[in-house]
Amino acid sequence: MEKFIAGIERFWREEEGSEVVEWALVAGLIVAVGATVMVTIGDGARTHLTTLANLLGGGAATQ
């Protein structure tokens, strides 16, 4: 009986460990997609604001 309980406990620990790894991978994927979206939106916004500033005659600040 002790071997059976020890086996169940080992299985439980292994499942928890793999679940943590899976959630870490999901979180990493969400961060990567979010960063990509923000960079894309940021570049597009900068382009539009620069165009608007040039049309208004104010010029754009250079970095």
N, C-alpha and C. Protein backbone atom coordinates (compact mmCIF):
# COMPACT_ATOMS: atom_id res chain seq x y z
N MET A 1 0.82 -1.19 0.00
CA MET A 1 0.00 0.00 0.00
C MET A 1 0.86 1.26 0.00
N GLU A 2 1.97 1.22 0.71
CA GLU A 2 2.85 2.40 0.76
C GLU A 2 3.43 2.72 -0.60
N LYS A 3 3.76 1.67 -1.37
CA LYS A 3 4.29 1.89 -2.72
C LYS A 3 3.24 2.55 -3.61
N PHE A 4 2.00 2.13 -3.44
CA PHE A 4 0.91 2.71 -4.23
C PHE A 4 0.74 4.19 -3.92
N ILE A 5 0.73 4.53 -2.66
CA ILE A 5 0.59 5.94 -2.24
C ILE A 5 1.80 6.75 -2.70
N ALA A 6 2.99 6.17 -2.57
CA ALA A 6 4.20 6.87 -3.01
C ALA A 6 4.15 7.10 -4.52
N GLY A 7 3.64 6.13 -5.28
CA GLY A 7 3.50 6.29 -6.73
C GLY A 7 2.53 7.39 -7.09
N ILE A 8 1.42 7.45 -6.36
CA ILE A 8 0.43 8.52 -6.61
C ILE A 8 1.03 9.88 -6.28
N GLU A 9 1.75 9.97 -5.18
CA GLU A 9 2.38 11.25 -4.81
C GLU A 9 3.41 11.67 -5.86
N ARG A 10 4.19 10.72 -6.36
CA ARG A 10 5.19 11.05 -7.38
C ARG A 10 4.49 11.53 -8.66
N PHE A 11 3.43 10.85 -9.06
CA PHE A 11 2.67 11.26 -10.25
C PHE A 11 2.12 12.66 -10.07
N TRP A 12 1.60 12.97 -8.88
CA TRP A 12 1.04 14.30 -8.62
C TRP A 12 2.11 15.38 -8.74
N ARG A 13 3.28 15.11 -8.17
CA ARG A 13 4.37 16.09 -8.24
C ARG A 13 4.80 16.30 -9.69
N GLU A 14 4.90 15.23 -10.46
CA GLU A 14 5.33 15.35 -11.86
C GLU A 14 4.30 16.14 -12.66
N GLU A 15 3.02 15.91 -12.43
CA GLU A 15 1.98 16.65 -13.15
C GLU A 15 2.02 18.13 -12.81
N GLU A 16 2.23 18.46 -11.55
CA GLU A 16 2.31 19.87 -11.17
C GLU A 16 3.49 20.55 -11.84
N GLY A 17 4.62 19.87 -11.89
CA GLY A 17 5.79 20.45 -12.52
C GLY A 17 5.59 20.71 -14.00
N SER A 18 4.98 19.76 -14.68
CA SER A 18 4.75 19.96 -16.11
C SER A 18 3.70 21.03 -16.36
N GLU A 19 2.74 21.14 -15.46
CA GLU A 19 1.72 22.18 -15.61
C GLU A 19 2.34 23.57 -15.46
N VAL A 20 3.26 23.72 -14.55
CA VAL A 20 3.93 25.00 -14.37
C VAL A 20 4.72 25.35 -15.62
N VAL A 21 5.39 24.39 -16.20
CA VAL A 21 6.15 24.63 -17.43
C VAL A 21 5.20 25.03 -18.55
N GLU A 22 4.08 24.35 -18.67
CA GLU A 22 3.11 24.69 -19.72
C GLU A 22 2.60 26.11 -19.55
N TRP A 23 2.26 26.50 -18.34
CA TRP A 23 1.76 27.86 -18.11
C TRP A 23 2.85 28.90 -18.37
N ALA A 24 4.09 28.57 -18.05
CA ALA A 24 5.19 29.49 -18.32
C ALA A 24 5.36 29.68 -19.83
N LEU A 25 5.21 28.60 -20.60
CA LEU A 25 5.29 28.71 -22.06
C LEU A 25 4.15 29.55 -22.61
N VAL A 26 2.95 29.36 -22.09
CA VAL A 26 1.80 30.15 -22.54
C VAL A 26 2.03 31.63 -22.22
N ALA A 27 2.50 31.91 -21.01
CA ALA A 27 2.76 33.31 -20.63
C ALA A 27 3.83 33.92 -21.51
N GLY A 28 4.88 33.16 -21.81
CA GLY A 28 5.94 33.67 -22.69
C GLY A 28 5.42 33.96 -24.08
N LEU A 29 4.54 33.10 -24.58
CA LEU A 29 3.96 33.33 -25.91
C LEU A 29 3.09 34.58 -25.91
N ILE A 30 2.32 34.77 -24.86
CA ILE A 30 1.48 35.97 -24.77
C ILE A 30 2.34 37.23 -24.74
N VAL A 31 3.42 37.20 -23.99
CA VAL A 31 4.32 38.36 -23.91
C VAL A 31 4.95 38.63 -25.27
N ALA A 32 5.38 37.58 -25.97
CA ALA A 32 6.01 37.76 -27.28
C ALA A 32 5.03 38.35 -28.29
N VAL A 33 3.81 37.84 -28.30
CA VAL A 33 2.80 38.37 -29.23
C VAL A 33 2.46 39.81 -28.87
N GLY A 34 2.31 40.09 -27.58
CA GLY A 34 2.01 41.45 -27.15
C GLY A 34 3.10 42.44 -27.53
N ALA A 35 4.35 42.03 -27.36
CA ALA A 35 5.47 42.90 -27.72
C ALA A 35 5.49 43.16 -29.22
N THR A 36 5.23 42.12 -30.01
CA THR A 36 5.20 42.28 -31.46
C THR A 36 4.10 43.24 -31.88
N VAL A 37 2.93 43.11 -31.29
CA VAL A 37 1.82 44.00 -31.61
C VAL A 37 2.16 45.43 -31.22
N MET A 38 2.73 45.63 -30.06
CA MET A 38 3.06 46.98 -29.61
C MET A 38 4.12 47.63 -30.50
N VAL A 39 5.11 46.87 -30.92
CA VAL A 39 6.14 47.42 -31.81
C VAL A 39 5.52 47.80 -33.15
N THR A 40 4.65 46.94 -33.68
CA THR A 40 4.00 47.23 -34.96
C THR A 40 3.11 48.46 -34.86
N ILE A 41 2.31 48.53 -33.81
CA ILE A 41 1.43 49.69 -33.63
C ILE A 41 2.26 50.95 -33.40
N GLY A 42 3.35 50.82 -32.64
CA GLY A 42 4.20 51.98 -32.37
C GLY A 42 4.82 52.54 -33.63
N ASP A 43 5.31 51.67 -34.50
CA ASP A 43 5.90 52.15 -35.76
C ASP A 43 4.85 52.81 -36.64
N GLY A 44 3.68 52.23 -36.72
CA GLY A 44 2.60 52.83 -37.51
C GLY A 44 2.16 54.17 -36.95
N ALA A 45 2.04 54.25 -35.64
CA ALA A 45 1.63 55.51 -35.01
C ALA A 45 2.68 56.60 -35.24
N ARG A 46 3.96 56.24 -35.12
CA ARG A 46 5.01 57.22 -35.35
C ARG A 46 4.96 57.75 -36.78
N THR A 47 4.73 56.85 -37.73
CA THR A 47 4.65 57.26 -39.14
C THR A 47 3.49 58.22 -39.35
N HIS A 48 2.33 57.89 -38.81
CA HIS A 48 1.16 58.76 -38.98
C HIS A 48 1.35 60.11 -38.28
N LEU A 49 1.92 60.12 -37.10
CA LEU A 49 2.12 61.38 -36.39
C LEU A 49 3.16 62.25 -37.09
N THR A 50 4.19 61.62 -37.64
CA THR A 50 5.20 62.39 -38.39
C THR A 50 4.58 63.01 -39.63
N THR A 51 3.76 62.25 -40.34
CA THR A 51 3.08 62.77 -41.53
C THR A 51 2.17 63.92 -41.15
N LEU A 52 1.42 63.76 -40.08
CA LEU A 52 0.52 64.82 -39.63
C LEU A 52 1.30 66.07 -39.25
N ALA A 53 2.39 65.91 -38.54
CA ALA A 53 3.20 67.06 -38.15
C ALA A 53 3.77 67.77 -39.36
N ASN A 54 4.21 67.00 -40.35
CA ASN A 54 4.75 67.62 -41.58
C ASN A 54 3.66 68.35 -42.34
N LEU A 55 2.46 67.80 -42.38
CA LEU A 55 1.35 68.47 -43.07
C LEU A 55 0.95 69.76 -42.36
N LEU A 56 1.08 69.78 -41.06
CA LEU A 56 0.73 70.99 -40.31
C LEU A 56 1.88 72.00 -40.30
N GLY A 57 3.01 71.60 -40.82
CA GLY A 57 4.13 72.52 -40.93
C GLY A 57 4.99 72.59 -39.68
N GLY A 58 4.73 71.75 -38.72
CA GLY A 58 5.48 71.80 -37.48
C GLY A 58 6.77 71.01 -37.56
N GLY A 59 6.89 70.13 -38.50
CA GLY A 59 8.07 69.27 -38.55
C GLY A 59 8.00 68.21 -37.46
N ALA A 60 8.90 67.27 -37.54
CA ALA A 60 8.91 66.21 -36.55
C ALA A 60 10.23 66.22 -35.81
N ALA A 61 10.17 65.92 -34.56
CA ALA A 61 11.40 65.81 -33.77
C ALA A 61 12.15 64.54 -34.17
N THR A 62 13.45 64.68 -34.34
CA THR A 62 14.25 63.51 -34.70
C THR A 62 14.81 62.88 -33.45
N GLN A 63 15.05 61.58 -33.54
CA GLN A 63 15.59 60.88 -32.38
C GLN A 63 17.06 60.67 -32.53
